[in-house]
Amino acid sequence: METVHQLRVSMPDIEPVVWRRIHVYSHTPLSGLHAVIQVAMGWDDAHLYEFGAQWETYGHNGREPSAYTVAQMLPEVGRGAGYVYGVGDQRNSQ
């Protein structure tokens, strides 16, 4: 049986908070999740990115995001993760 993760992607440093609710298959690689977030937020994939969860980093300067799935990063309901788009930029523009 296929499982699906429902995620809330938000930009908490902006008022009002900008956010999207997305659904992805649990077996989606983190590189695929990055692609979904880019489309959902209307971004153009022009910057480096990282995910962080459970003391692990995936993406730039971390583990290879195509080798790990959403279910591996978020194995439990209610578990949170971070996503930084614009890693290494002088100012995270998105």
PDB file of N, CA and C in Angstrom:
ATOM      1  N   MET A   1       0.839  -1.175   0.000  1.00  0.00           N
ATOM      2  CA  MET A   1       0.000   0.000   0.000  1.00  0.00           C
ATOM      3  C   MET A   1       0.890   1.245   0.000  1.00  0.00           C
ATOM      4  N   GLU A   2       0.585   2.167  -0.862  1.00  0.00           N
ATOM      5  CA  GLU A   2       1.334   3.424  -0.950  1.00  0.00           C
ATOM      6  C   GLU A   2       0.916   4.339   0.197  1.00  0.00           C
ATOM      7  N   THR A   3       1.897   4.944   0.844  1.00  0.00           N
ATOM      8  CA  THR A   3       1.595   5.929   1.875  1.00  0.00           C
ATOM      9  C   THR A   3       1.973   7.307   1.364  1.00  0.00           C
ATOM     10  N   VAL A   4       1.304   8.303   1.921  1.00  0.00           N
ATOM     11  CA  VAL A   4       1.498   9.688   1.508  1.00  0.00           C
ATOM     12  C   VAL A   4       1.798  10.526   2.739  1.00  0.00           C
ATOM     13  N   HIS A   5       2.753  11.419   2.602  1.00  0.00           N
ATOM     14  CA  HIS A   5       3.049  12.392   3.649  1.00  0.00           C
ATOM     15  C   HIS A   5       2.367  13.712   3.295  1.00  0.00           C
ATOM     16  N   GLN A   6       1.662  14.270   4.243  1.00  0.00           N
ATOM     17  CA  GLN A   6       1.102  15.617   4.101  1.00  0.00           C
ATOM     18  C   GLN A   6       2.035  16.559   4.854  1.00  0.00           C
ATOM     19  N   LEU A   7       2.551  17.558   4.159  1.00  0.00           N
ATOM     20  CA  LEU A   7       3.528  18.465   4.744  1.00  0.00           C
ATOM     21  C   LEU A   7       3.062  19.903   4.651  1.00  0.00           C
ATOM     22  N   ARG A   8       3.418  20.665   5.635  1.00  0.00           N
ATOM     23  CA  ARG A   8       3.193  22.115   5.605  1.00  0.00           C
ATOM     24  C   ARG A   8       4.558  22.763   5.401  1.00  0.00           C
ATOM     25  N   VAL A   9       4.700  23.479   4.311  1.00  0.00           N
ATOM     26  CA  VAL A   9       5.935  24.189   3.987  1.00  0.00           C
ATOM     27  C   VAL A   9       5.660  25.660   4.247  1.00  0.00           C
ATOM     28  N   SER A  10       6.451  26.280   5.127  1.00  0.00           N
ATOM     29  CA  SER A  10       6.173  27.673   5.480  1.00  0.00           C
ATOM     30  C   SER A  10       7.439  28.505   5.493  1.00  0.00           C
ATOM     31  N   MET A  11       7.242  29.800   5.373  1.00  0.00           N
ATOM     32  CA  MET A  11       8.304  30.796   5.474  1.00  0.00           C
ATOM     33  C   MET A  11       7.998  31.623   6.716  1.00  0.00           C
ATOM     34  N   PRO A  12       8.460  31.183   7.874  1.00  0.00           N
ATOM     35  CA  PRO A  12       8.057  31.804   9.138  1.00  0.00           C
ATOM     36  C   PRO A  12       8.600  33.207   9.386  1.00  0.00           C
ATOM     37  N   ASP A  13       9.632  33.614   8.670  1.00  0.00           N
ATOM     38  CA  ASP A  13      10.214  34.942   8.910  1.00  0.00           C
ATOM     39  C   ASP A  13       9.524  36.050   8.134  1.00  0.00           C
ATOM     40  N   ILE A  14       8.422  35.722   7.486  1.00  0.00           N
ATOM     41  CA  ILE A  14       7.668  36.704   6.699  1.00  0.00           C
ATOM     42  C   ILE A  14       6.296  36.873   7.334  1.00  0.00           C
ATOM     43  N   GLU A  15       5.835  38.110   7.450  1.00  0.00           N
ATOM     44  CA  GLU A  15       4.500  38.383   7.993  1.00  0.00           C
ATOM     45  C   GLU A  15       3.620  38.964   6.892  1.00  0.00           C
ATOM     46  N   PRO A  16       2.450  38.419   6.673  1.00  0.00           N
ATOM     47  CA  PRO A  16       1.947  37.181   7.273  1.00  0.00           C
ATOM     48  C   PRO A  16       2.745  35.986   6.744  1.00  0.00           C
ATOM     49  N   VAL A  17       2.720  34.901   7.498  1.00  0.00           N
ATOM     50  CA  VAL A  17       3.463  33.698   7.125  1.00  0.00           C
ATOM     51  C   VAL A  17       2.942  33.175   5.788  1.00  0.00           C
ATOM     52  N   VAL A  18       3.867  32.887   4.884  1.00  0.00           N
ATOM     53  CA  VAL A  18       3.531  32.277   3.595  1.00  0.00           C
ATOM     54  C   VAL A  18       3.713  30.774   3.764  1.00  0.00           C
ATOM     55  N   TRP A  19       2.690  29.993   3.379  1.00  0.00           N
ATOM     56  CA  TRP A  19       2.799  28.552   3.546  1.00  0.00           C
ATOM     57  C   TRP A  19       1.994  27.821   2.484  1.00  0.00           C
ATOM     58  N   ARG A  20       2.349  26.561   2.266  1.00  0.00           N
ATOM     59  CA  ARG A  20       1.647  25.676   1.346  1.00  0.00           C
ATOM     60  C   ARG A  20       1.498  24.306   2.016  1.00  0.00           C
ATOM     61  N   ARG A  21       0.396  23.636   1.726  1.00  0.00           N
ATOM     62  CA  ARG A  21       0.207  22.247   2.151  1.00  0.00           C
ATOM     63  C   ARG A  21       0.449  21.391   0.917  1.00  0.00           C
ATOM     64  N   ILE A  22       1.348  20.426   1.043  1.00  0.00           N
ATOM     65  CA  ILE A  22       1.649  19.554  -0.087  1.00  0.00           C
ATOM     66  C   ILE A  22       1.505  18.094   0.342  1.00  0.00           C
ATOM     67  N   HIS A  23       1.242  17.260  -0.640  1.00  0.00           N
ATOM     68  CA  HIS A  23       1.160  15.815  -0.424  1.00  0.00           C
ATOM     69  C   HIS A  23       2.169  15.151  -1.351  1.00  0.00           C
ATOM     70  N   VAL A  24       2.999  14.279  -0.802  1.00  0.00           N
ATOM     71  CA  VAL A  24       3.976  13.540  -1.592  1.00  0.00           C
ATOM     72  C   VAL A  24       3.974  12.089  -1.141  1.00  0.00           C
ATOM     73  N   TYR A  25       4.258  11.196  -2.087  1.00  0.00           N
ATOM     74  CA  TYR A  25       4.409   9.800  -1.707  1.00  0.00           C
ATOM     75  C   TYR A  25       5.564   9.673  -0.719  1.00  0.00           C
ATOM     76  N   SER A  26       5.392   8.817   0.251  1.00  0.00           N
ATOM     77  CA  SER A  26       6.402   8.633   1.289  1.00  0.00           C
ATOM     78  C   SER A  26       7.729   8.128   0.726  1.00  0.00           C
ATOM     79  N   HIS A  27       7.676   7.422  -0.403  1.00  0.00           N
ATOM     80  CA  HIS A  27       8.903   6.900  -1.001  1.00  0.00           C
ATOM     81  C   HIS A  27       9.594   7.925  -1.923  1.00  0.00           C
ATOM     82  N   THR A  28       9.083   9.155  -1.981  1.00  0.00           N
ATOM     83  CA  THR A  28       9.687  10.205  -2.795  1.00  0.00           C
ATOM     84  C   THR A  28      11.079  10.538  -2.264  1.00  0.00           C
ATOM     85  N   PRO A  29      12.086  10.555  -3.137  1.00  0.00           N
ATOM     86  CA  PRO A  29      13.414  10.962  -2.661  1.00  0.00           C
ATOM     87  C   PRO A  29      13.410  12.433  -2.258  1.00  0.00           C
ATOM     88  N   LEU A  30      14.297  12.821  -1.371  1.00  0.00           N
ATOM     89  CA  LEU A  30      14.337  14.211  -0.915  1.00  0.00           C
ATOM     90  C   LEU A  30      14.631  15.174  -2.062  1.00  0.00           C
ATOM     91  N   SER A  31      15.370  14.732  -3.066  1.00  0.00           N
ATOM     92  CA  SER A  31      15.583  15.580  -4.246  1.00  0.00           C
ATOM     93  C   SER A  31      14.254  15.835  -4.958  1.00  0.00           C
ATOM     94  N   GLY A  32      13.357  14.860  -4.955  1.00  0.00           N
ATOM     95  CA  GLY A  32      12.023  15.034  -5.530  1.00  0.00           C
ATOM     96  C   GLY A  32      11.169  15.959  -4.683  1.00  0.00           C
ATOM     97  N   LEU A  33      11.291  15.852  -3.360  1.00  0.00           N
ATOM     98  CA  LEU A  33      10.568  16.755  -2.468  1.00  0.00           C
ATOM     99  C   LEU A  33      11.014  18.192  -2.714  1.00  0.00           C
ATOM    100  N   HIS A  34      12.303  18.383  -2.891  1.00  0.00           N
ATOM    101  CA  HIS A  34      12.824  19.716  -3.216  1.00  0.00           C
ATOM    102  C   HIS A  34      12.153  20.250  -4.484  1.00  0.00           C
ATOM    103  N   ALA A  35      12.037  19.420  -5.511  1.00  0.00           N
ATOM    104  CA  ALA A  35      11.402  19.842  -6.768  1.00  0.00           C
ATOM    105  C   ALA A  35       9.942  20.222  -6.550  1.00  0.00           C
ATOM    106  N   VAL A  36       9.229  19.451  -5.731  1.00  0.00           N
ATOM    107  CA  VAL A  36       7.819  19.754  -5.437  1.00  0.00           C
ATOM    108  C   VAL A  36       7.708  21.082  -4.693  1.00  0.00           C
ATOM    109  N   ILE A  37       8.568  21.310  -3.720  1.00  0.00           N
ATOM    110  CA  ILE A  37       8.548  22.571  -2.968  1.00  0.00           C
ATOM    111  C   ILE A  37       8.818  23.747  -3.899  1.00  0.00           C
ATOM    112  N   GLN A  38       9.764  23.594  -4.814  1.00  0.00           N
ATOM    113  CA  GLN A  38      10.074  24.668  -5.761  1.00  0.00           C
ATOM    114  C   GLN A  38       8.843  25.074  -6.563  1.00  0.00           C
ATOM    115  N   VAL A  39       8.108  24.099  -7.058  1.00  0.00           N
ATOM    116  CA  VAL A  39       6.891  24.381  -7.833  1.00  0.00           C
ATOM    117  C   VAL A  39       5.816  24.988  -6.944  1.00  0.00           C
ATOM    118  N   ALA A  40       5.602  24.390  -5.767  1.00  0.00           N
ATOM    119  CA  ALA A  40       4.547  24.867  -4.865  1.00  0.00           C
ATOM    120  C   ALA A  40       4.763  26.317  -4.435  1.00  0.00           C
ATOM    121  N   MET A  41       6.023  26.699  -4.243  1.00  0.00           N
ATOM    122  CA  MET A  41       6.321  28.055  -3.784  1.00  0.00           C
ATOM    123  C   MET A  41       6.546  29.034  -4.940  1.00  0.00           C
ATOM    124  N   GLY A  42       6.585  28.523  -6.169  1.00  0.00           N
ATOM    125  CA  GLY A  42       6.784  29.394  -7.322  1.00  0.00           C
ATOM    126  C   GLY A  42       8.217  29.841  -7.498  1.00  0.00           C
ATOM    127  N   TRP A  43       9.168  29.038  -7.024  1.00  0.00           N
ATOM    128  CA  TRP A  43      10.577  29.384  -7.120  1.00  0.00           C
ATOM    129  C   TRP A  43      11.190  28.753  -8.361  1.00  0.00           C
ATOM    130  N   ASP A  44      12.422  29.135  -8.691  1.00  0.00           N
ATOM    131  CA  ASP A  44      13.026  28.717  -9.958  1.00  0.00           C
ATOM    132  C   ASP A  44      14.235  27.802  -9.819  1.00  0.00           C
ATOM    133  N   ASP A  45      14.462  27.224  -8.658  1.00  0.00           N
ATOM    134  CA  ASP A  45      15.539  26.266  -8.427  1.00  0.00           C
ATOM    135  C   ASP A  45      16.907  26.831  -8.810  1.00  0.00           C
ATOM    136  N   ALA A  46      17.156  28.059  -8.415  1.00  0.00           N
ATOM    137  CA  ALA A  46      18.407  28.732  -8.762  1.00  0.00           C
ATOM    138  C   ALA A  46      19.403  28.781  -7.601  1.00  0.00           C
ATOM    139  N   HIS A  47      19.074  28.147  -6.483  1.00  0.00           N
ATOM    140  CA  HIS A  47      19.929  28.215  -5.299  1.00  0.00           C
ATOM    141  C   HIS A  47      20.163  26.813  -4.736  1.00  0.00           C
ATOM    142  N   LEU A  48      21.185  26.677  -3.922  1.00  0.00           N
ATOM    143  CA  LEU A  48      21.446  25.428  -3.221  1.00  0.00           C
ATOM    144  C   LEU A  48      20.412  25.254  -2.108  1.00  0.00           C
ATOM    145  N   TYR A  49      20.234  24.021  -1.667  1.00  0.00           N
ATOM    146  CA  TYR A  49      19.245  23.757  -0.617  1.00  0.00           C
ATOM    147  C   TYR A  49      19.751  22.691   0.345  1.00  0.00           C
ATOM    148  N   GLU A  50      19.122  22.657   1.511  1.00  0.00           N
ATOM    149  CA  GLU A  50      19.377  21.621   2.512  1.00  0.00           C
ATOM    150  C   GLU A  50      18.084  21.298   3.248  1.00  0.00           C
ATOM    151  N   PHE A  51      17.952  20.039   3.607  1.00  0.00           N
ATOM    152  CA  PHE A  51      16.930  19.600   4.553  1.00  0.00           C
ATOM    153  C   PHE A  51      17.666  19.240   5.834  1.00  0.00           C
ATOM    154  N   GLY A  52      17.023  19.404   6.955  1.00  0.00           N
ATOM    155  CA  GLY A  52      17.604  18.982   8.214  1.00  0.00           C
ATOM    156  C   GLY A  52      16.548  18.349   9.095  1.00  0.00           C
ATOM    157  N   ALA A  53      16.855  17.175   9.622  1.00  0.00           N
ATOM    158  CA  ALA A  53      15.933  16.489  10.532  1.00  0.00           C
ATOM    159  C   ALA A  53      16.708  15.453  11.326  1.00  0.00           C
ATOM    160  N   GLN A  54      16.311  15.264  12.555  1.00  0.00           N
ATOM    161  CA  GLN A  54      16.883  14.221  13.407  1.00  0.00           C
ATOM    162  C   GLN A  54      18.408  14.295  13.432  1.00  0.00           C
ATOM    163  N   TRP A  55      18.960  15.469  13.515  1.00  0.00           N
ATOM    164  CA  TRP A  55      20.398  15.711  13.610  1.00  0.00           C
ATOM    165  C   TRP A  55      21.145  15.340  12.336  1.00  0.00           C
ATOM    166  N   GLU A  56      20.437  15.190  11.219  1.00  0.00           N
ATOM    167  CA  GLU A  56      21.050  14.883   9.928  1.00  0.00           C
ATOM    168  C   GLU A  56      20.784  16.032   8.962  1.00  0.00           C
ATOM    169  N   THR A  57      21.697  16.224   8.018  1.00  0.00           N
ATOM    170  CA  THR A  57      21.536  17.224   6.967  1.00  0.00           C
ATOM    171  C   THR A  57      21.581  16.509   5.626  1.00  0.00           C
ATOM    172  N   TYR A  58      20.678  16.896   4.737  1.00  0.00           N
ATOM    173  CA  TYR A  58      20.596  16.316   3.403  1.00  0.00           C
ATOM    174  C   TYR A  58      20.658  17.457   2.391  1.00  0.00           C
ATOM    175  N   GLY A  59      21.471  17.319   1.378  1.00  0.00           N
ATOM    176  CA  GLY A  59      21.616  18.376   0.385  1.00  0.00           C
ATOM    177  C   GLY A  59      23.009  18.945   0.438  1.00  0.00           C
ATOM    178  N   HIS A  60      23.144  20.222   0.135  1.00  0.00           N
ATOM    179  CA  HIS A  60      24.440  20.874   0.122  1.00  0.00           C
ATOM    180  C   HIS A  60      25.141  20.678   1.470  1.00  0.00           C
ATOM    181  N   ASN A  61      26.363  20.175   1.450  1.00  0.00           N
ATOM    182  CA  ASN A  61      27.159  19.893   2.662  1.00  0.00           C
ATOM    183  C   ASN A  61      26.540  18.821   3.548  1.00  0.00           C
ATOM    184  N   GLY A  62      25.685  17.977   2.997  1.00  0.00           N
ATOM    185  CA  GLY A  62      25.069  16.922   3.799  1.00  0.00           C
ATOM    186  C   GLY A  62      24.984  15.629   3.013  1.00  0.00           C
ATOM    187  N   ARG A  63      24.124  14.766   3.459  1.00  0.00           N
ATOM    188  CA  ARG A  63      23.913  13.488   2.777  1.00  0.00           C
ATOM    189  C   ARG A  63      23.259  13.725   1.416  1.00  0.00           C
ATOM    190  N   GLU A  64      23.474  12.798   0.505  1.00  0.00           N
ATOM    191  CA  GLU A  64      22.932  12.898  -0.855  1.00  0.00           C
ATOM    192  C   GLU A  64      21.400  12.798  -0.808  1.00  0.00           C
ATOM    193  N   PRO A  65      20.682  13.867  -1.200  1.00  0.00           N
ATOM    194  CA  PRO A  65      19.219  13.865  -1.070  1.00  0.00           C
ATOM    195  C   PRO A  65      18.502  12.852  -1.961  1.00  0.00           C
ATOM    196  N   SER A  66      19.120  12.431  -3.050  1.00  0.00           N
ATOM    197  CA  SER A  66      18.450  11.450  -3.909  1.00  0.00           C
ATOM    198  C   SER A  66      18.540  10.037  -3.329  1.00  0.00           C
ATOM    199  N   ALA A  67      19.360   9.838  -2.297  1.00  0.00           N
ATOM    200  CA  ALA A  67      19.531   8.523  -1.685  1.00  0.00           C
ATOM    201  C   ALA A  67      18.627   8.297  -0.473  1.00  0.00           C
ATOM    202  N   TYR A  68      17.855   9.309  -0.080  1.00  0.00           N
ATOM    203  CA  TYR A  68      16.994   9.216   1.102  1.00  0.00           C
ATOM    204  C   TYR A  68      15.582   9.646   0.742  1.00  0.00           C
ATOM    205  N   THR A  69      14.604   9.034   1.388  1.00  0.00           N
ATOM    206  CA  THR A  69      13.201   9.328   1.089  1.00  0.00           C
ATOM    207  C   THR A  69      12.570  10.214   2.160  1.00  0.00           C
ATOM    208  N   VAL A  70      11.394  10.712   1.829  1.00  0.00           N
ATOM    209  CA  VAL A  70      10.631  11.507   2.785  1.00  0.00           C
ATOM    210  C   VAL A  70      10.351  10.666   4.041  1.00  0.00           C
ATOM    211  N   ALA A  71       9.993   9.396   3.865  1.00  0.00           N
ATOM    212  CA  ALA A  71       9.700   8.522   5.009  1.00  0.00           C
ATOM    213  C   ALA A  71      10.925   8.308   5.888  1.00  0.00           C
ATOM    214  N   GLN A  72      12.113   8.266   5.298  1.00  0.00           N
ATOM    215  CA  GLN A  72      13.321   8.097   6.100  1.00  0.00           C
ATOM    216  C   GLN A  72      13.631   9.360   6.910  1.00  0.00           C
ATOM    217  N   MET A  73      13.372  10.522   6.313  1.00  0.00           N
ATOM    218  CA  MET A  73      13.632  11.770   7.022  1.00  0.00           C
ATOM    219  C   MET A  73      12.540  12.050   8.059  1.00  0.00           C
ATOM    220  N   LEU A  74      11.309  11.678   7.740  1.00  0.00           N
ATOM    221  CA  LEU A  74      10.160  11.946   8.619  1.00  0.00           C
ATOM    222  C   LEU A  74       9.411  10.637   8.892  1.00  0.00           C
ATOM    223  N   PRO A  75       9.963   9.774   9.748  1.00  0.00           N
ATOM    224  CA  PRO A  75       9.346   8.465   9.967  1.00  0.00           C
ATOM    225  C   PRO A  75       8.098   8.474  10.844  1.00  0.00           C
ATOM    226  N   GLU A  76       7.851   9.560  11.570  1.00  0.00           N
ATOM    227  CA  GLU A  76       6.726   9.602  12.503  1.00  0.00           C
ATOM    228  C   GLU A  76       5.827  10.790  12.211  1.00  0.00           C
ATOM    229  N   VAL A  77       4.537  10.600  12.440  1.00  0.00           N
ATOM    230  CA  VAL A  77       3.576  11.694  12.310  1.00  0.00           C
ATOM    231  C   VAL A  77       3.935  12.792  13.300  1.00  0.00           C
ATOM    232  N   GLY A  78       3.916  14.030  12.852  1.00  0.00           N
ATOM    233  CA  GLY A  78       4.202  15.160  13.716  1.00  0.00           C
ATOM    234  C   GLY A  78       5.669  15.538  13.798  1.00  0.00           C
ATOM    235  N   ARG A  79       6.523  14.734  13.215  1.00  0.00           N
ATOM    236  CA  ARG A  79       7.965  15.025  13.221  1.00  0.00           C
ATOM    237  C   ARG A  79       8.218  16.174  12.257  1.00  0.00           C
ATOM    238  N   GLY A  80       9.034  17.109  12.641  1.00  0.00           N
ATOM    239  CA  GLY A  80       9.333  18.261  11.806  1.00  0.00           C
ATOM    240  C   GLY A  80      10.692  18.155  11.141  1.00  0.00           C
ATOM    241  N   ALA A  81      10.875  18.985  10.139  1.00  0.00           N
ATOM    242  CA  ALA A  81      12.153  19.065   9.436  1.00  0.00           C
ATOM    243  C   ALA A  81      12.347  20.502   8.985  1.00  0.00           C
ATOM    244  N   GLY A  82      13.583  20.845   8.734  1.00  0.00           N
ATOM    245  CA  GLY A  82      13.887  22.172   8.205  1.00  0.00           C
ATOM    246  C   GLY A  82      14.234  22.078   6.732  1.00  0.00           C
ATOM    247  N   TYR A  83      13.992  23.162   6.028  1.00  0.00           N
ATOM    248  CA  TYR A  83      14.350  23.262   4.611  1.00  0.00           C
ATOM    249  C   TYR A  83      14.902  24.663   4.407  1.00  0.00           C
ATOM    250  N   VAL A  84      16.123  24.738   3.933  1.00  0.00           N
ATOM    251  CA  VAL A  84      16.743  26.031   3.665  1.00  0.00           C
ATOM    252  C   VAL A  84      17.016  26.099   2.176  1.00  0.00           C
ATOM    253  N   TYR A  85      16.481  27.115   1.538  1.00  0.00           N
ATOM    254  CA  TYR A  85      16.704  27.347   0.115  1.00  0.00           C
ATOM    255  C   TYR A  85      17.528  28.624   0.003  1.00  0.00           C
ATOM    256  N   GLY A  86      18.661  28.520  -0.659  1.00  0.00           N
ATOM    257  CA  GLY A  86      19.568  29.663  -0.743  1.00  0.00           C
ATOM    258  C   GLY A  86      20.753  29.490   0.170  1.00  0.00           C
ATOM    259  N   VAL A  87      21.135  28.231   0.424  1.00  0.00           N
ATOM    260  CA  VAL A  87      22.283  27.921   1.275  1.00  0.00           C
ATOM    261  C   VAL A  87      23.515  28.588   0.690  1.00  0.00           C
ATOM    262  N   GLY A  88      24.222  29.333   1.525  1.00  0.00           N
ATOM    263  CA  GLY A  88      25.445  29.976   1.085  1.00  0.00           C
ATOM    264  C   GLY A  88      25.257  31.333   0.448  1.00  0.00           C
ATOM    265  N   ASP A  89      24.023  31.713   0.155  1.00  0.00           N
ATOM    266  CA  ASP A  89      23.773  33.049  -0.398  1.00  0.00           C
ATOM    267  C   ASP A  89      24.062  34.084   0.682  1.00  0.00           C
ATOM    268  N   GLN A  90      24.430  35.277   0.260  1.00  0.00           N
ATOM    269  CA  GLN A  90      24.641  36.364   1.221  1.00  0.00           C
ATOM    270  C   GLN A  90      23.367  36.615   2.016  1.00  0.00           C
ATOM    271  N   ARG A  91      22.271  36.498   1.329  1.00  0.00           N
ATOM    272  CA  ARG A  91      20.960  36.701   1.953  1.00  0.00           C
ATOM    273  C   ARG A  91      20.041  35.659   1.355  1.00  0.00           C
ATOM    274  N   ASN A  92      19.381  34.852   2.168  1.00  0.00           N
ATOM    275  CA  ASN A  92      18.434  33.867   1.663  1.00  0.00           C
ATOM    276  C   ASN A  92      17.254  34.604   1.076  1.00  0.00           C
ATOM    277  N   SER A  93      17.213  34.688  -0.250  1.00  0.00           N
ATOM    278  CA  SER A  93      16.208  35.502  -0.912  1.00  0.00           C
ATOM    279  C   SER A  93      14.858  34.814  -1.019  1.00  0.00           C
ATOM    280  N   GLN A  94      14.799  33.505  -0.832  1.00  0.00           N
ATOM    281  CA  GLN A  94      13.508  32.812  -0.911  1.00  0.00           C
ATOM    282  C   GLN A  94      13.396  31.802   0.188  1.00  0.00           C
TER     283      GLN A  94
END
